[in-house]
Amino acid sequence: MDFVVVDTEGNPELSEIAVLDRQGHLVYEAFAAEHTANLDRQHPLKSLKEIAQDIHHLAQNLIR
């Protein structure tokens, strides 16, 4: 992975995040439990702390 872009679409809070590999394949996706717009989603929700931990582990595994 060369870089990660986090786009909040102009909002001050993060509602969801996706990480794609070089080929454009989805390798991670999460929806923030703290964001009210996600309460009606069918996807499992994670806390921002859990999302940060997941991204940290993902980055460590990709660097190795």
N, C-alpha and C. Protein backbone atom coordinates (compact mmCIF):
# COMPACT_ATOMS: atom_id res chain seq x y z
N MET A 1 0.85 -1.16 0.00
CA MET A 1 0.00 0.00 0.00
C MET A 1 0.90 1.23 0.00
N ASP A 2 0.63 2.18 -0.87
CA ASP A 2 1.44 3.39 -0.94
C ASP A 2 0.96 4.49 -0.02
N PHE A 3 -0.36 4.64 0.12
CA PHE A 3 -0.90 5.67 0.99
C PHE A 3 -2.36 5.38 1.28
N VAL A 4 -2.89 6.04 2.29
CA VAL A 4 -4.30 5.93 2.66
C VAL A 4 -4.90 7.32 2.64
N VAL A 5 -6.07 7.45 2.06
CA VAL A 5 -6.79 8.72 2.03
C VAL A 5 -8.01 8.59 2.93
N VAL A 6 -8.17 9.53 3.84
CA VAL A 6 -9.36 9.56 4.68
C VAL A 6 -10.17 10.78 4.26
N ASP A 7 -11.36 10.55 3.73
CA ASP A 7 -12.22 11.62 3.25
C ASP A 7 -13.45 11.69 4.12
N THR A 8 -13.63 12.79 4.82
CA THR A 8 -14.80 12.95 5.68
C THR A 8 -15.91 13.71 4.96
N GLU A 9 -15.74 13.94 3.66
CA GLU A 9 -16.73 14.64 2.84
C GLU A 9 -17.09 16.01 3.42
N GLY A 10 -16.09 16.68 3.99
CA GLY A 10 -16.30 18.02 4.52
C GLY A 10 -16.89 18.08 5.91
N ASN A 11 -17.17 16.93 6.50
CA ASN A 11 -17.72 16.89 7.85
C ASN A 11 -16.60 16.82 8.88
N PRO A 12 -16.81 17.35 10.06
CA PRO A 12 -15.76 17.31 11.08
C PRO A 12 -15.58 15.94 11.73
N GLU A 13 -16.47 14.99 11.44
CA GLU A 13 -16.34 13.68 12.06
C GLU A 13 -16.23 12.59 10.99
N LEU A 14 -15.66 11.48 11.41
CA LEU A 14 -15.50 10.32 10.53
C LEU A 14 -16.69 9.40 10.71
N SER A 15 -17.38 9.06 9.62
CA SER A 15 -18.52 8.16 9.74
C SER A 15 -18.21 6.76 9.21
N GLU A 16 -17.35 6.67 8.22
CA GLU A 16 -16.97 5.37 7.68
C GLU A 16 -15.59 5.48 7.07
N ILE A 17 -14.95 4.32 6.92
CA ILE A 17 -13.62 4.30 6.32
C ILE A 17 -13.47 3.04 5.49
N ALA A 18 -12.78 3.17 4.40
CA ALA A 18 -12.46 2.03 3.54
C ALA A 18 -11.00 2.12 3.16
N VAL A 19 -10.34 0.98 3.11
CA VAL A 19 -8.95 0.91 2.67
C VAL A 19 -8.92 0.00 1.45
N LEU A 20 -8.33 0.51 0.39
CA LEU A 20 -8.19 -0.24 -0.86
C LEU A 20 -6.72 -0.54 -1.10
N ASP A 21 -6.44 -1.65 -1.76
CA ASP A 21 -5.06 -1.95 -2.12
C ASP A 21 -4.72 -1.29 -3.46
N ARG A 22 -3.52 -1.52 -3.95
CA ARG A 22 -3.06 -0.90 -5.20
C ARG A 22 -3.95 -1.22 -6.39
N GLN A 23 -4.55 -2.39 -6.38
CA GLN A 23 -5.41 -2.80 -7.48
C GLN A 23 -6.85 -2.30 -7.32
N GLY A 24 -7.11 -1.59 -6.25
CA GLY A 24 -8.44 -1.07 -6.01
C GLY A 24 -9.37 -2.03 -5.30
N HIS A 25 -8.84 -3.12 -4.78
CA HIS A 25 -9.65 -4.09 -4.05
C HIS A 25 -9.85 -3.62 -2.60
N LEU A 26 -11.04 -3.79 -2.12
CA LEU A 26 -11.37 -3.42 -0.75
C LEU A 26 -10.70 -4.39 0.21
N VAL A 27 -9.88 -3.87 1.12
CA VAL A 27 -9.22 -4.72 2.12
C VAL A 27 -9.75 -4.45 3.53
N TYR A 28 -10.44 -3.33 3.72
CA TYR A 28 -11.01 -3.02 5.02
C TYR A 28 -12.12 -2.00 4.86
N GLU A 29 -13.18 -2.19 5.62
CA GLU A 29 -14.29 -1.23 5.64
C GLU A 29 -14.90 -1.24 7.03
N ALA A 30 -15.20 -0.07 7.55
CA ALA A 30 -15.83 0.02 8.87
C ALA A 30 -16.71 1.26 8.94
N PHE A 31 -17.72 1.16 9.78
CA PHE A 31 -18.66 2.26 10.01
C PHE A 31 -18.60 2.62 11.49
N ALA A 32 -18.46 3.90 11.78
CA ALA A 32 -18.29 4.37 13.16
C ALA A 32 -19.60 4.34 13.94
N ALA A 33 -19.56 3.69 15.08
CA ALA A 33 -20.74 3.59 15.95
C ALA A 33 -21.14 4.94 16.51
N GLU A 34 -20.17 5.85 16.65
CA GLU A 34 -20.45 7.15 17.24
C GLU A 34 -21.20 8.09 16.30
N HIS A 35 -21.27 7.76 15.04
CA HIS A 35 -21.91 8.66 14.06
C HIS A 35 -23.39 8.31 13.94
N THR A 36 -24.25 9.28 14.21
CA THR A 36 -25.70 9.02 14.23
C THR A 36 -26.25 8.55 12.89
N ALA A 37 -25.65 8.94 11.79
CA ALA A 37 -26.13 8.52 10.47
C ALA A 37 -25.95 7.01 10.27
N ASN A 38 -25.10 6.38 11.06
CA ASN A 38 -24.84 4.95 10.90
C ASN A 38 -25.76 4.06 11.73
N LEU A 39 -26.58 4.65 12.57
CA LEU A 39 -27.41 3.85 13.47
C LEU A 39 -28.41 2.96 12.74
N ASP A 40 -28.82 3.35 11.55
CA ASP A 40 -29.78 2.57 10.79
C ASP A 40 -29.12 1.63 9.78
N ARG A 41 -27.82 1.60 9.73
CA ARG A 41 -27.10 0.77 8.75
C ARG A 41 -27.21 -0.72 9.09
N GLN A 42 -27.18 -1.53 8.06
CA GLN A 42 -27.20 -2.98 8.22
C GLN A 42 -25.80 -3.52 8.56
N HIS A 43 -24.77 -2.71 8.33
CA HIS A 43 -23.40 -3.14 8.57
C HIS A 43 -23.08 -3.11 10.07
N PRO A 44 -22.19 -3.98 10.50
CA PRO A 44 -21.76 -3.91 11.90
C PRO A 44 -21.02 -2.60 12.16
N LEU A 45 -21.25 -2.03 13.33
CA LEU A 45 -20.61 -0.77 13.71
C LEU A 45 -19.44 -1.04 14.65
N LYS A 46 -18.42 -0.18 14.57
CA LYS A 46 -17.27 -0.27 15.46
C LYS A 46 -17.01 1.09 16.05
N SER A 47 -16.43 1.10 17.24
CA SER A 47 -16.05 2.37 17.85
C SER A 47 -14.85 2.93 17.08
N LEU A 48 -14.66 4.23 17.18
CA LEU A 48 -13.50 4.85 16.52
C LEU A 48 -12.20 4.27 17.05
N LYS A 49 -12.18 3.91 18.33
CA LYS A 49 -10.98 3.29 18.91
C LYS A 49 -10.71 1.95 18.24
N GLU A 50 -11.76 1.13 18.05
CA GLU A 50 -11.59 -0.16 17.37
C GLU A 50 -11.12 0.02 15.93
N ILE A 51 -11.68 1.01 15.25
CA ILE A 51 -11.29 1.28 13.86
C ILE A 51 -9.82 1.68 13.80
N ALA A 52 -9.39 2.55 14.71
CA ALA A 52 -7.98 2.97 14.75
C ALA A 52 -7.07 1.78 15.01
N GLN A 53 -7.46 0.89 15.91
CA GLN A 53 -6.67 -0.31 16.20
C GLN A 53 -6.60 -1.22 14.97
N ASP A 54 -7.73 -1.40 14.30
CA ASP A 54 -7.76 -2.23 13.09
C ASP A 54 -6.82 -1.68 12.02
N ILE A 55 -6.88 -0.35 11.80
CA ILE A 55 -6.04 0.29 10.78
C ILE A 55 -4.56 0.15 11.17
N HIS A 56 -4.27 0.30 12.45
CA HIS A 56 -2.90 0.14 12.94
C HIS A 56 -2.38 -1.27 12.64
N HIS A 57 -3.18 -2.29 12.98
CA HIS A 57 -2.78 -3.68 12.72
C HIS A 57 -2.66 -3.96 11.23
N LEU A 58 -3.58 -3.44 10.46
CA LEU A 58 -3.53 -3.62 9.01
C LEU A 58 -2.25 -3.03 8.43
N ALA A 59 -1.91 -1.82 8.86
CA ALA A 59 -0.71 -1.16 8.36
C ALA A 59 0.55 -1.94 8.77
N GLN A 60 0.59 -2.43 10.00
CA GLN A 60 1.74 -3.22 10.44
C GLN A 60 1.91 -4.47 9.59
N ASN A 61 0.82 -5.14 9.29
CA ASN A 61 0.88 -6.38 8.49
C ASN A 61 1.28 -6.09 7.04
N LEU A 62 0.88 -4.96 6.51
CA LEU A 62 1.22 -4.63 5.14
C LEU A 62 2.68 -4.19 4.99
N ILE A 63 3.24 -3.64 6.06
CA ILE A 63 4.62 -3.17 6.02
C ILE A 63 5.59 -4.36 6.09
N ARG A 64 5.23 -5.39 6.77
CA ARG A 64 6.11 -6.57 6.94
C ARG A 64 6.30 -7.33 5.69
